C-alpha atoms as a PDB file:
ATOM      1  CA  MET A   1     -34.250 -82.199 -11.673  1.00  0.00           C
ATOM      2  CA  GLN A   2     -37.701 -83.027 -13.074  1.00  0.00           C
ATOM      3  CA  CYS A   3     -38.480 -79.305 -13.243  1.00  0.00           C
ATOM      4  CA  ILE A   4     -35.310 -78.639 -15.236  1.00  0.00           C
ATOM      5  CA  LYS A   5     -36.148 -81.462 -17.628  1.00  0.00           C
ATOM      6  CA  LEU A   6     -39.629 -80.006 -18.111  1.00  0.00           C
ATOM      7  CA  LEU A   7     -38.184 -76.569 -18.877  1.00  0.00           C
ATOM      8  CA  LEU A   8     -35.780 -78.107 -21.391  1.00  0.00           C
ATOM      9  CA  ILE A   9     -38.680 -79.845 -23.115  1.00  0.00           C
ATOM     10  CA  VAL A  10     -40.640 -76.592 -23.351  1.00  0.00           C
ATOM     11  CA  THR A  11     -37.728 -74.571 -24.758  1.00  0.00           C
ATOM     12  CA  GLY A  12     -36.282 -77.380 -26.849  1.00  0.00           C
ATOM     13  CA  THR A  13     -39.399 -78.558 -28.654  1.00  0.00           C
ATOM     14  CA  PHE A  14     -39.251 -75.652 -31.124  1.00  0.00           C
ATOM     15  CA  LYS A  15     -35.752 -76.700 -32.205  1.00  0.00           C
ATOM     16  CA  ALA A  16     -37.385 -79.518 -34.172  1.00  0.00           C
ATOM     17  CA  ASN A  17     -39.253 -79.067 -37.446  1.00  0.00           C
ATOM     18  CA  ASN A  18     -42.313 -81.097 -36.475  1.00  0.00           C
ATOM     19  CA  PRO A  19     -45.695 -80.231 -38.048  1.00  0.00           C
ATOM     20  CA  TYR A  20     -47.432 -80.202 -34.664  1.00  0.00           C
ATOM     21  CA  ASN A  21     -45.149 -77.337 -33.603  1.00  0.00           C
ATOM     22  CA  THR A  22     -47.469 -75.007 -35.543  1.00  0.00           C
ATOM     23  CA  PHE A  23     -50.211 -75.866 -33.048  1.00  0.00           C
ATOM     24  CA  LEU A  24     -47.806 -75.677 -30.102  1.00  0.00           C
ATOM     25  CA  LEU A  25     -46.742 -72.248 -31.320  1.00  0.00           C
ATOM     26  CA  LEU A  26     -50.393 -71.208 -31.227  1.00  0.00           C
ATOM     27  CA  VAL A  27     -50.724 -72.389 -27.616  1.00  0.00           C
ATOM     28  CA  TYR A  28     -47.406 -70.745 -26.733  1.00  0.00           C
ATOM     29  CA  GLY A  29     -48.573 -67.445 -28.232  1.00  0.00           C
ATOM     30  CA  LEU A  30     -51.936 -67.560 -26.464  1.00  0.00           C
ATOM     31  CA  LEU A  31     -50.256 -68.113 -23.093  1.00  0.00           C
ATOM     32  CA  LEU A  32     -47.799 -65.263 -23.665  1.00  0.00           C
ATOM     33  CA  LYS A  33     -50.454 -62.850 -24.892  1.00  0.00           C
ATOM     34  CA  LEU A  34     -53.252 -63.713 -22.489  1.00  0.00           C
ATOM     35  CA  PRO A  35     -53.030 -60.210 -20.893  1.00  0.00           C
ATOM     36  CA  VAL A  36     -53.823 -58.705 -24.305  1.00  0.00           C
ATOM     37  CA  PHE A  37     -57.232 -60.396 -24.155  1.00  0.00           C
ATOM     38  CA  LEU A  38     -57.760 -59.537 -20.477  1.00  0.00           C
ATOM     39  CA  HIS A  39     -56.992 -55.852 -21.028  1.00  0.00           C
ATOM     40  CA  PRO A  40     -57.877 -54.978 -24.649  1.00  0.00           C
ATOM     41  CA  THR A  41     -56.810 -51.615 -26.067  1.00  0.00           C
ATOM     42  CA  ILE A  42     -58.736 -49.608 -28.643  1.00  0.00           C
ATOM     43  CA  PRO A  43     -56.221 -48.355 -31.260  1.00  0.00           C
ATOM     44  CA  VAL A  44     -56.032 -44.648 -32.068  1.00  0.00           C
ATOM     45  CA  PRO A  45     -54.857 -43.610 -35.569  1.00  0.00           C
ATOM     46  CA  GLN A  46     -51.695 -41.497 -35.691  1.00  0.00           C
ATOM     47  CA  GLN A  47     -50.654 -38.673 -37.995  1.00  0.00           C
ATOM     48  CA  THR A  48     -48.476 -40.840 -40.242  1.00  0.00           C
ATOM     49  CA  ASP A  49     -51.002 -43.674 -40.517  1.00  0.00           C
ATOM     50  CA  GLY A  50     -52.312 -44.110 -44.044  1.00  0.00           C
ATOM     51  CA  PHE A  51     -55.873 -43.754 -45.251  1.00  0.00           C
ATOM     52  CA  LEU A  52     -56.348 -47.520 -45.613  1.00  0.00           C
ATOM     53  CA  PHE A  53     -55.545 -48.082 -41.940  1.00  0.00           C
ATOM     54  CA  LYS A  54     -57.826 -45.242 -40.865  1.00  0.00           C
ATOM     55  CA  ALA A  55     -60.607 -46.611 -43.069  1.00  0.00           C
ATOM     56  CA  LEU A  56     -60.097 -50.073 -41.555  1.00  0.00           C
ATOM     57  CA  LEU A  57     -60.397 -48.697 -38.022  1.00  0.00           C
ATOM     58  CA  ALA A  58     -63.539 -46.791 -39.024  1.00  0.00           C
ATOM     59  CA  GLN A  59     -65.122 -50.012 -40.300  1.00  0.00           C
ATOM     60  CA  ILE A  60     -64.287 -51.931 -37.108  1.00  0.00           C
ATOM     61  CA  ALA A  61     -65.166 -49.084 -34.704  1.00  0.00           C
ATOM     62  CA  PRO A  62     -68.925 -49.832 -34.346  1.00  0.00           C
ATOM     63  CA  VAL A  63     -68.156 -53.353 -33.137  1.00  0.00           C
ATOM     64  CA  GLY A  64     -64.843 -52.497 -31.475  1.00  0.00           C
ATOM     65  CA  ASN A  65     -66.302 -49.823 -29.212  1.00  0.00           C
ATOM     66  CA  SER A  66     -68.816 -52.340 -27.817  1.00  0.00           C
ATOM     67  CA  PHE A  67     -66.454 -55.336 -27.792  1.00  0.00           C
ATOM     68  CA  PRO A  68     -62.844 -54.049 -27.548  1.00  0.00           C
ATOM     69  CA  VAL A  69     -61.557 -57.622 -27.339  1.00  0.00           C
ATOM     70  CA  ILE A  70     -62.021 -57.863 -31.116  1.00  0.00           C
ATOM     71  CA  TYR A  71     -58.871 -55.744 -31.464  1.00  0.00           C
ATOM     72  CA  SER A  72     -57.000 -58.266 -29.332  1.00  0.00           C
ATOM     73  CA  PHE A  73     -58.118 -61.089 -31.618  1.00  0.00           C
ATOM     74  CA  ILE A  74     -57.051 -59.135 -34.713  1.00  0.00           C
ATOM     75  CA  SER A  75     -53.616 -58.318 -33.303  1.00  0.00           C
ATOM     76  CA  PHE A  76     -53.052 -61.913 -32.156  1.00  0.00           C
ATOM     77  CA  ILE A  77     -54.073 -63.345 -35.524  1.00  0.00           C
ATOM     78  CA  LEU A  78     -51.688 -60.942 -37.267  1.00  0.00           C
ATOM     79  CA  LEU A  79     -48.806 -61.719 -34.899  1.00  0.00           C
ATOM     80  CA  TYR A  80     -49.327 -65.475 -35.040  1.00  0.00           C
ATOM     81  CA  THR A  81     -49.631 -65.632 -38.841  1.00  0.00           C
ATOM     82  CA  GLN A  82     -46.568 -63.399 -39.170  1.00  0.00           C
ATOM     83  CA  ALA A  83     -44.602 -65.698 -36.844  1.00  0.00           C
ATOM     84  CA  VAL A  84     -45.580 -68.833 -38.774  1.00  0.00           C
ATOM     85  CA  THR A  85     -45.041 -67.213 -42.179  1.00  0.00           C
ATOM     86  CA  PHE A  86     -41.631 -65.733 -41.398  1.00  0.00           C
ATOM     87  CA  ASN A  87     -40.574 -68.997 -39.756  1.00  0.00           C
ATOM     88  CA  LYS A  88     -41.534 -70.901 -42.917  1.00  0.00           C
ATOM     89  CA  PHE A  89     -39.691 -68.457 -45.169  1.00  0.00           C
ATOM     90  CA  ALA A  90     -36.621 -68.593 -42.897  1.00  0.00           C
ATOM     91  CA  ASN A  91     -36.614 -72.397 -43.179  1.00  0.00           C
ATOM     92  CA  ASP A  92     -37.129 -72.229 -46.951  1.00  0.00           C
ATOM     93  CA  GLN A  93     -34.120 -69.904 -47.259  1.00  0.00           C
ATOM     94  CA  ARG A  94     -32.102 -72.147 -44.902  1.00  0.00           C
ATOM     95  CA  LEU A  95     -31.095 -69.281 -42.642  1.00  0.00           C
ATOM     96  CA  MET A  96     -30.018 -71.782 -39.978  1.00  0.00           C
ATOM     97  CA  GLN A  97     -28.280 -75.147 -40.015  1.00  0.00           C
ATOM     98  CA  LYS A  98     -31.531 -77.063 -39.710  1.00  0.00           C
ATOM     99  CA  PRO A  99     -35.239 -76.224 -40.024  1.00  0.00           C
ATOM    100  CA  ASN A 100     -36.894 -75.263 -36.750  1.00  0.00           C
ATOM    101  CA  TYR A 101     -39.625 -73.156 -35.169  1.00  0.00           C
ATOM    102  CA  LEU A 102     -37.318 -70.954 -33.096  1.00  0.00           C
ATOM    103  CA  THR A 103     -37.745 -67.928 -35.364  1.00  0.00           C
ATOM    104  CA  GLY A 104     -41.529 -68.015 -34.942  1.00  0.00           C
ATOM    105  CA  MET A 105     -41.178 -68.595 -31.206  1.00  0.00           C
ATOM    106  CA  SER A 106     -38.776 -65.647 -30.943  1.00  0.00           C
ATOM    107  CA  TYR A 107     -41.159 -63.370 -32.828  1.00  0.00           C
ATOM    108  CA  LEU A 108     -44.050 -64.122 -30.477  1.00  0.00           C
ATOM    109  CA  LEU A 109     -41.742 -63.766 -27.479  1.00  0.00           C
ATOM    110  CA  VAL A 110     -40.122 -60.456 -28.427  1.00  0.00           C
ATOM    111  CA  THR A 111     -43.453 -58.865 -29.415  1.00  0.00           C
ATOM    112  CA  SER A 112     -44.866 -59.854 -26.022  1.00  0.00           C
ATOM    113  CA  LEU A 113     -42.263 -57.779 -24.174  1.00  0.00           C
ATOM    114  CA  PHE A 114     -43.911 -54.461 -25.029  1.00  0.00           C
ATOM    115  CA  LYS A 115     -47.593 -53.639 -24.753  1.00  0.00           C
ATOM    116  CA  GLU A 116     -47.500 -51.334 -27.808  1.00  0.00           C
ATOM    117  CA  TRP A 117     -46.417 -54.230 -30.030  1.00  0.00           C
ATOM    118  CA  ASN A 118     -49.655 -56.096 -29.274  1.00  0.00           C
ATOM    119  CA  ILE A 119     -52.004 -53.286 -30.280  1.00  0.00           C
ATOM    120  CA  VAL A 120     -53.568 -53.135 -33.740  1.00  0.00           C
ATOM    121  CA  SER A 121     -51.450 -50.570 -35.585  1.00  0.00           C
ATOM    122  CA  ALA A 122     -50.454 -49.645 -39.101  1.00  0.00           C
ATOM    123  CA  PRO A 123     -46.860 -50.961 -38.683  1.00  0.00           C
ATOM    124  CA  LEU A 124     -48.240 -54.266 -37.377  1.00  0.00           C
ATOM    125  CA  ILE A 125     -50.232 -54.715 -40.589  1.00  0.00           C
ATOM    126  CA  VAL A 126     -47.289 -53.578 -42.705  1.00  0.00           C
ATOM    127  CA  ASN A 127     -45.136 -56.312 -41.105  1.00  0.00           C
ATOM    128  CA  THR A 128     -47.256 -58.908 -42.914  1.00  0.00           C
ATOM    129  CA  LEU A 129     -46.500 -57.261 -46.259  1.00  0.00           C
ATOM    130  CA  LEU A 130     -42.807 -56.762 -45.537  1.00  0.00           C
ATOM    131  CA  ILE A 131     -42.277 -60.414 -44.598  1.00  0.00           C
ATOM    132  CA  TRP A 132     -43.549 -61.334 -48.071  1.00  0.00           C
ATOM    133  CA  VAL A 133     -41.309 -58.644 -49.627  1.00  0.00           C
ATOM    134  CA  TRP A 134     -38.241 -60.039 -47.859  1.00  0.00           C
ATOM    135  CA  ALA A 135     -39.027 -63.599 -48.953  1.00  0.00           C
ATOM    136  CA  SER A 136     -39.591 -62.494 -52.553  1.00  0.00           C
ATOM    137  CA  MET A 137     -36.353 -60.491 -52.597  1.00  0.00           C
ATOM    138  CA  SER A 138     -34.466 -63.495 -51.203  1.00  0.00           C
ATOM    139  CA  GLY A 139     -35.875 -65.646 -54.003  1.00  0.00           C
ATOM    140  CA  LEU A 140     -34.682 -63.320 -56.784  1.00  0.00           C
ATOM    141  CA  TYR A 141     -31.278 -64.999 -56.871  1.00  0.00           C
ATOM    142  CA  ASN A 142     -32.481 -67.864 -59.069  1.00  0.00           C
ATOM    143  CA  ASN A 143     -35.873 -66.512 -60.184  1.00  0.00           C
ATOM    144  CA  LYS A 144     -36.321 -66.877 -63.953  1.00  0.00           C
ATOM    145  CA  ASN A 145     -39.339 -64.564 -63.904  1.00  0.00           C
ATOM    146  CA  ALA A 146     -37.643 -61.799 -61.907  1.00  0.00           C
ATOM    147  CA  ARG A 147     -39.353 -58.876 -63.653  1.00  0.00           C
ATOM    148  CA  SER A 148     -42.815 -60.073 -62.686  1.00  0.00           C
ATOM    149  CA  ALA A 149     -41.650 -60.661 -59.110  1.00  0.00           C
ATOM    150  CA  LEU A 150     -40.070 -57.205 -58.920  1.00  0.00           C
ATOM    151  CA  PHE A 151     -43.234 -55.533 -60.180  1.00  0.00           C
ATOM    152  CA  ASN A 152     -45.269 -57.366 -57.530  1.00  0.00           C
ATOM    153  CA  ILE A 153     -42.740 -56.411 -54.833  1.00  0.00           C
ATOM    154  CA  GLY A 154     -42.997 -52.778 -55.892  1.00  0.00           C
ATOM    155  CA  ILE A 155     -46.795 -52.886 -55.746  1.00  0.00           C
ATOM    156  CA  ILE A 156     -46.705 -54.352 -52.222  1.00  0.00           C
ATOM    157  CA  ILE A 157     -44.346 -51.576 -51.065  1.00  0.00           C
ATOM    158  CA  GLY A 158     -46.689 -49.012 -52.608  1.00  0.00           C
ATOM    159  CA  ILE A 159     -49.737 -50.535 -50.899  1.00  0.00           C
ATOM    160  CA  ALA A 160     -47.827 -50.665 -47.587  1.00  0.00           C
ATOM    161  CA  THR A 161     -47.484 -46.868 -47.697  1.00  0.00           C
ATOM    162  CA  PHE A 162     -51.279 -46.617 -47.801  1.00  0.00           C
ATOM    163  CA  PHE A 163     -51.267 -48.166 -44.324  1.00  0.00           C
ATOM    164  CA  TYR A 164     -48.114 -46.447 -43.011  1.00  0.00           C
ATOM    165  CA  PHE A 165     -46.415 -43.903 -45.271  1.00  0.00           C
ATOM    166  CA  PRO A 166     -42.857 -44.020 -43.763  1.00  0.00           C
ATOM    167  CA  SER A 167     -42.668 -47.648 -44.939  1.00  0.00           C
ATOM    168  CA  ILE A 168     -41.726 -46.127 -48.302  1.00  0.00           C
ATOM    169  CA  ALA A 169     -38.204 -46.326 -46.843  1.00  0.00           C
ATOM    170  CA  PHE A 170     -38.306 -50.059 -47.542  1.00  0.00           C
ATOM    171  CA  SER A 171     -37.794 -49.156 -51.189  1.00  0.00           C
ATOM    172  CA  ILE A 172     -34.147 -49.235 -50.104  1.00  0.00           C
ATOM    173  CA  LEU A 173     -34.624 -52.965 -49.566  1.00  0.00           C
ATOM    174  CA  ILE A 174     -35.440 -53.299 -53.269  1.00  0.00           C
ATOM    175  CA  ILE A 175     -32.531 -51.126 -54.411  1.00  0.00           C
ATOM    176  CA  VAL A 176     -29.855 -52.783 -52.282  1.00  0.00           C
ATOM    177  CA  GLY A 177     -31.521 -56.186 -52.621  1.00  0.00           C
ATOM    178  CA  LEU A 178     -31.218 -55.999 -56.395  1.00  0.00           C
ATOM    179  CA  THR A 179     -27.558 -55.061 -56.023  1.00  0.00           C
ATOM    180  CA  VAL A 180     -26.946 -58.021 -53.707  1.00  0.00           C
ATOM    181  CA  THR A 181     -28.967 -60.706 -55.481  1.00  0.00           C
ATOM    182  CA  ARG A 182     -28.736 -59.922 -59.199  1.00  0.00           C
ATOM    183  CA  PRO A 183     -26.416 -58.347 -61.784  1.00  0.00           C
ATOM    184  CA  PHE A 184     -27.354 -54.796 -62.708  1.00  0.00           C
ATOM    185  CA  LYS A 185     -30.140 -54.521 -65.287  1.00  0.00           C
ATOM    186  CA  LEU A 186     -31.712 -51.096 -65.715  1.00  0.00           C
ATOM    187  CA  ALA A 187     -34.992 -52.598 -66.935  1.00  0.00           C
ATOM    188  CA  GLU A 188     -35.459 -54.510 -63.647  1.00  0.00           C
ATOM    189  CA  TRP A 189     -34.850 -51.378 -61.577  1.00  0.00           C
ATOM    190  CA  LEU A 190     -37.383 -49.432 -63.641  1.00  0.00           C
ATOM    191  CA  ILE A 191     -39.962 -52.221 -63.335  1.00  0.00           C
ATOM    192  CA  ALA A 192     -39.578 -52.201 -59.540  1.00  0.00           C
ATOM    193  CA  PHE A 193     -40.031 -48.406 -59.490  1.00  0.00           C
ATOM    194  CA  LEU A 194     -43.059 -48.733 -61.771  1.00  0.00           C
ATOM    195  CA  GLY A 195     -44.557 -51.235 -59.323  1.00  0.00           C
ATOM    196  CA  ILE A 196     -44.149 -48.775 -56.422  1.00  0.00           C
ATOM    197  CA  ILE A 197     -45.919 -45.917 -58.204  1.00  0.00           C
ATOM    198  CA  THR A 198     -48.689 -48.072 -59.720  1.00  0.00           C
ATOM    199  CA  PRO A 199     -50.919 -47.990 -56.584  1.00  0.00           C
ATOM    200  CA  TYR A 200     -50.532 -44.202 -56.528  1.00  0.00           C
ATOM    201  CA  TYR A 201     -51.557 -44.012 -60.183  1.00  0.00           C
ATOM    202  CA  PHE A 202     -54.844 -45.765 -59.415  1.00  0.00           C
ATOM    203  CA  LEU A 203     -55.307 -43.726 -56.227  1.00  0.00           C
ATOM    204  CA  LEU A 204     -54.864 -40.399 -58.038  1.00  0.00           C
ATOM    205  CA  ALA A 205     -57.113 -41.601 -60.868  1.00  0.00           C
ATOM    206  CA  TYR A 206     -59.846 -42.385 -58.330  1.00  0.00           C
ATOM    207  CA  ILE A 207     -59.416 -39.027 -56.596  1.00  0.00           C
ATOM    208  CA  PHE A 208     -59.645 -37.229 -59.946  1.00  0.00           C
ATOM    209  CA  LEU A 209     -62.691 -39.152 -61.180  1.00  0.00           C
ATOM    210  CA  ALA A 210     -64.478 -38.827 -57.826  1.00  0.00           C
ATOM    211  CA  ASN A 211     -63.561 -35.136 -57.632  1.00  0.00           C
ATOM    212  CA  LYS A 212     -62.123 -35.458 -54.133  1.00  0.00           C
ATOM    213  CA  TRP A 213     -59.097 -33.201 -54.584  1.00  0.00           C
ATOM    214  CA  LYS A 214     -60.259 -30.728 -51.925  1.00  0.00           C
ATOM    215  CA  GLY A 215     -60.549 -33.254 -49.123  1.00  0.00           C
ATOM    216  CA  TYR A 216     -57.392 -35.215 -49.884  1.00  0.00           C
ATOM    217  CA  LYS A 217     -54.112 -34.571 -48.078  1.00  0.00           C
ATOM    218  CA  LEU A 218     -50.834 -35.965 -49.325  1.00  0.00           C
ATOM    219  CA  PRO A 219     -49.077 -38.197 -46.777  1.00  0.00           C
ATOM    220  CA  GLY A 220     -45.828 -36.984 -45.308  1.00  0.00           C
ATOM    221  CA  PHE A 221     -43.145 -37.549 -42.738  1.00  0.00           C
ATOM    222  CA  SER A 222     -40.850 -35.494 -40.558  1.00  0.00           C
ATOM    223  CA  VAL A 223     -37.385 -36.059 -39.143  1.00  0.00           C
ATOM    224  CA  SER A 224     -37.387 -36.288 -35.354  1.00  0.00           C
ATOM    225  CA  LEU A 225     -35.904 -38.223 -32.475  1.00  0.00           C
ATOM    226  CA  PRO A 226     -37.948 -41.349 -31.676  1.00  0.00           C
ATOM    227  CA  VAL A 227     -39.475 -42.050 -28.292  1.00  0.00           C
ATOM    228  CA  PHE A 228     -37.882 -44.647 -26.053  1.00  0.00           C
ATOM    229  CA  TYR A 229     -39.241 -46.191 -22.888  1.00  0.00           C
ATOM    230  CA  LYS A 230     -38.506 -44.371 -19.632  1.00  0.00           C
ATOM    231  CA  SER A 231     -39.418 -47.379 -17.489  1.00  0.00           C
ATOM    232  CA  TYR A 232     -36.471 -49.241 -15.964  1.00  0.00           C
ATOM    233  CA  TRP A 233     -38.227 -52.554 -16.580  1.00  0.00           C
ATOM    234  CA  ALA A 234     -38.784 -51.775 -20.252  1.00  0.00           C
ATOM    235  CA  SER A 235     -35.212 -50.526 -20.633  1.00  0.00           C
ATOM    236  CA  ALA A 236     -33.972 -53.772 -19.102  1.00  0.00           C
ATOM    237  CA  ALA A 237     -36.118 -55.740 -21.567  1.00  0.00           C
ATOM    238  CA  ILE A 238     -34.612 -53.766 -24.465  1.00  0.00           C
ATOM    239  CA  VAL A 239     -31.117 -54.545 -23.153  1.00  0.00           C
ATOM    240  CA  ILE A 240     -31.941 -58.268 -22.976  1.00  0.00           C
ATOM    241  CA  VAL A 241     -33.260 -58.273 -26.551  1.00  0.00           C
ATOM    242  CA  LEU A 242     -30.163 -56.442 -27.786  1.00  0.00           C
ATOM    243  CA  PHE A 243     -27.895 -58.814 -25.835  1.00  0.00           C
ATOM    244  CA  ALA A 244     -29.630 -61.868 -27.297  1.00  0.00           C
ATOM    245  CA  SER A 245     -29.447 -60.319 -30.784  1.00  0.00           C
ATOM    246  CA  VAL A 246     -25.696 -59.754 -30.433  1.00  0.00           C
ATOM    247  CA  ILE A 247     -25.254 -63.380 -29.335  1.00  0.00           C
ATOM    248  CA  GLY A 248     -27.314 -64.500 -32.325  1.00  0.00           C
ATOM    249  CA  PHE A 249     -25.277 -62.260 -34.639  1.00  0.00           C
ATOM    250  CA  PHE A 250     -22.076 -63.807 -33.272  1.00  0.00           C
ATOM    251  CA  TYR A 251     -23.234 -67.342 -34.109  1.00  0.00           C
ATOM    252  CA  ILE A 252     -24.531 -66.227 -37.514  1.00  0.00           C
ATOM    253  CA  GLN A 253     -21.086 -64.825 -38.338  1.00  0.00           C
ATOM    254  CA  GLN A 254     -19.444 -68.048 -37.181  1.00  0.00           C
ATOM    255  CA  ASN A 255     -21.552 -70.093 -39.597  1.00  0.00           C
ATOM    256  CA  PHE A 256     -21.747 -67.498 -42.374  1.00  0.00           C
ATOM    257  CA  ARG A 257     -18.954 -68.785 -44.614  1.00  0.00           C
ATOM    258  CA  ARG A 258     -20.192 -72.360 -44.359  1.00  0.00           C
ATOM    259  CA  GLN A 259     -23.571 -71.454 -45.768  1.00  0.00           C
ATOM    260  CA  LEU A 260     -24.694 -71.467 -49.388  1.00  0.00           C
ATOM    261  CA  VAL A 261     -24.400 -68.298 -51.453  1.00  0.00           C
ATOM    262  CA  GLN A 262     -28.195 -68.053 -51.571  1.00  0.00           C
ATOM    263  CA  THR A 263     -28.393 -68.230 -47.776  1.00  0.00           C
ATOM    264  CA  ARG A 264     -25.719 -65.582 -47.309  1.00  0.00           C
ATOM    265  CA  LYS A 265     -27.623 -63.252 -49.614  1.00  0.00           C
ATOM    266  CA  SER A 266     -30.797 -63.865 -47.608  1.00  0.00           C
ATOM    267  CA  TRP A 267     -28.971 -63.000 -44.389  1.00  0.00           C
ATOM    268  CA  ASN A 268     -27.657 -59.801 -45.987  1.00  0.00           C
ATOM    269  CA  LEU A 269     -31.260 -58.847 -46.710  1.00  0.00           C
ATOM    270  CA  VAL A 270     -32.180 -59.556 -43.074  1.00  0.00           C
ATOM    271  CA  PHE A 271     -29.407 -57.170 -41.945  1.00  0.00           C
ATOM    272  CA  LEU A 272     -30.645 -54.542 -44.389  1.00  0.00           C
ATOM    273  CA  TYR A 273     -34.241 -55.126 -43.244  1.00  0.00           C
ATOM    274  CA  LEU A 274     -33.167 -54.369 -39.663  1.00  0.00           C
ATOM    275  CA  LEU A 275     -31.240 -51.222 -40.640  1.00  0.00           C
ATOM    276  CA  VAL A 276     -34.234 -49.779 -42.517  1.00  0.00           C
ATOM    277  CA  ALA A 277     -36.614 -50.722 -39.677  1.00  0.00           C
ATOM    278  CA  VAL A 278     -34.365 -48.940 -37.157  1.00  0.00           C
ATOM    279  CA  PHE A 279     -34.240 -45.867 -39.407  1.00  0.00           C
ATOM    280  CA  ILE A 280     -38.014 -45.488 -39.899  1.00  0.00           C
ATOM    281  CA  PRO A 281     -38.916 -44.158 -36.386  1.00  0.00           C
ATOM    282  CA  PHE A 282     -36.543 -41.253 -37.076  1.00  0.00           C
ATOM    283  CA  ILE A 283     -38.718 -40.076 -39.993  1.00  0.00           C
ATOM    284  CA  ASN A 284     -41.997 -40.534 -38.146  1.00  0.00           C
ATOM    285  CA  ALA A 285     -44.050 -37.473 -37.196  1.00  0.00           C
ATOM    286  CA  ALA A 286     -45.948 -39.348 -34.452  1.00  0.00           C
ATOM    287  CA  HIS A 287     -44.074 -40.419 -31.327  1.00  0.00           C
ATOM    288  CA  SER A 288     -44.994 -43.894 -30.160  1.00  0.00           C
ATOM    289  CA  PHE A 289     -43.055 -47.046 -29.337  1.00  0.00           C
ATOM    290  CA  GLU A 290     -45.424 -49.109 -31.490  1.00  0.00           C
ATOM    291  CA  TYR A 291     -43.524 -48.086 -34.628  1.00  0.00           C
ATOM    292  CA  TRP A 292     -40.461 -50.010 -33.457  1.00  0.00           C
ATOM    293  CA  ILE A 293     -42.360 -53.255 -34.078  1.00  0.00           C
ATOM    294  CA  LEU A 294     -40.949 -53.139 -37.616  1.00  0.00           C
ATOM    295  CA  CYS A 295     -37.662 -54.262 -36.020  1.00  0.00           C
ATOM    296  CA  ALA A 296     -39.267 -57.380 -34.512  1.00  0.00           C
ATOM    297  CA  VAL A 297     -39.171 -59.463 -37.710  1.00  0.00           C
ATOM    298  CA  PRO A 298     -35.406 -59.309 -38.383  1.00  0.00           C
ATOM    299  CA  LEU A 299     -34.646 -59.427 -34.646  1.00  0.00           C
ATOM    300  CA  SER A 300     -36.557 -62.705 -34.357  1.00  0.00           C
ATOM    301  CA  ALA A 301     -34.099 -64.266 -36.833  1.00  0.00           C
ATOM    302  CA  PHE A 302     -31.183 -63.179 -34.615  1.00  0.00           C
ATOM    303  CA  LEU A 303     -32.904 -64.440 -31.467  1.00  0.00           C
ATOM    304  CA  GLY A 304     -33.680 -67.751 -33.158  1.00  0.00           C
ATOM    305  CA  SER A 305     -29.954 -68.208 -33.808  1.00  0.00           C
ATOM    306  CA  ALA A 306     -29.181 -67.359 -30.180  1.00  0.00           C
ATOM    307  CA  PHE A 307     -31.563 -70.126 -29.069  1.00  0.00           C
ATOM    308  CA  LEU A 308     -30.295 -72.710 -31.590  1.00  0.00           C
ATOM    309  CA  TYR A 309     -26.505 -72.577 -31.785  1.00  0.00           C
ATOM    310  CA  PRO A 310     -25.092 -72.429 -28.199  1.00  0.00           C
ATOM    311  CA  GLU A 311     -23.635 -75.780 -27.183  1.00  0.00           C
ATOM    312  CA  LYS A 312     -24.404 -75.271 -23.500  1.00  0.00           C
ATOM    313  CA  LYS A 313     -28.113 -76.012 -23.054  1.00  0.00           C
ATOM    314  CA  TRP A 314     -28.447 -73.825 -19.983  1.00  0.00           C
ATOM    315  CA  PHE A 315     -27.802 -70.585 -21.921  1.00  0.00           C
ATOM    316  CA  PRO A 316     -30.825 -70.611 -24.287  1.00  0.00           C
ATOM    317  CA  LEU A 317     -32.883 -72.031 -21.404  1.00  0.00           C
ATOM    318  CA  LEU A 318     -31.906 -69.144 -19.116  1.00  0.00           C
ATOM    319  CA  LEU A 319     -32.333 -66.550 -21.867  1.00  0.00           C
ATOM    320  CA  HIS A 320     -35.789 -67.794 -22.826  1.00  0.00           C
ATOM    321  CA  TRP A 321     -37.208 -67.923 -19.312  1.00  0.00           C
ATOM    322  CA  LEU A 322     -35.641 -64.597 -18.426  1.00  0.00           C
ATOM    323  CA  MET A 323     -37.553 -63.019 -21.316  1.00  0.00           C
ATOM    324  CA  VAL A 324     -40.736 -64.862 -20.327  1.00  0.00           C
ATOM    325  CA  GLY A 325     -40.234 -63.516 -16.792  1.00  0.00           C
ATOM    326  CA  PHE A 326     -40.128 -59.977 -18.144  1.00  0.00           C
ATOM    327  CA  VAL A 327     -43.317 -60.618 -20.127  1.00  0.00           C
ATOM    328  CA  ILE A 328     -45.073 -61.745 -16.934  1.00  0.00           C
ATOM    329  CA  ALA A 329     -43.693 -58.804 -14.964  1.00  0.00           C
ATOM    330  CA  PHE A 330     -44.801 -56.289 -17.574  1.00  0.00           C
ATOM    331  CA  SER A 331     -48.232 -57.813 -17.972  1.00  0.00           C
ATOM    332  CA  TYR A 332     -49.248 -58.397 -14.377  1.00  0.00           C
ATOM    333  CA  PHE A 333     -47.058 -56.325 -12.056  1.00  0.00           C
ATOM    334  CA  VAL A 334     -45.574 -53.311 -13.829  1.00  0.00           C
ATOM    335  CA  GLN A 335     -48.090 -51.968 -16.348  1.00  0.00           C
END
């Protein structure tokens, strides 16, 4: 009985919106991702990775080759800050009935299920930018300075392609997001497009002035079937995540009509975010499971709902510790 109460405390503490939960989330993440520090991985740039990511790896390489654990620290800092940031934005947009830390907890938990999602990669860095894009798009509904916000959103999408070119697909998030959040205004659409191409204008200007045309290759993508895990353990983990996401989706739909118009629009953008993230691995020339990490942000919102809404306390408790069990199995016994 005391053990059950302890487990309930551990899983239930993130249902509250207490300031100290930010620190507890840090401890929670460190415990989940301890194997990342014990067995650091040196990242290898892929074909579709942008020049900014390759340049970043080149700058870190002298230190990283001698102390590979630096990559573990970088990936953990990125994952933790993304969890806290997306959790804050989700609370600001009132995605759930009450503010909580379940979205951040879910993000750290789901990214711990797969080793590739804890390695420094271009999509991992892009996640930081896309979280900000989603929050900015959600805030367009009542933004009086929408044109400035749209231009900034476009610039961020453009810069994201310098790290990982297939992220250009998230331009769809701007197009559909504008349709969902605001009445049609051609000037706003053009400003968003102008923001996307602005980074390329400065890039091409630099290439021209530095006379580097010969050594520069335009980024590209190719349509192909993505790579899935062949391990039974990993496949089971994917099934659990999908099951929890469906449960979360069910509870979101149950509460959808009771939410504010602004909140419903934000949820629509989360759904769109997930659809685009699922689509991107199909236009990726390199085959690696790490590119699916783009799905982790919207999935964490679904998982957070699955942990919050069920009336029976045993269900989120069982679901959480089942996923933690898979993290332990992957980290210490399987991989």
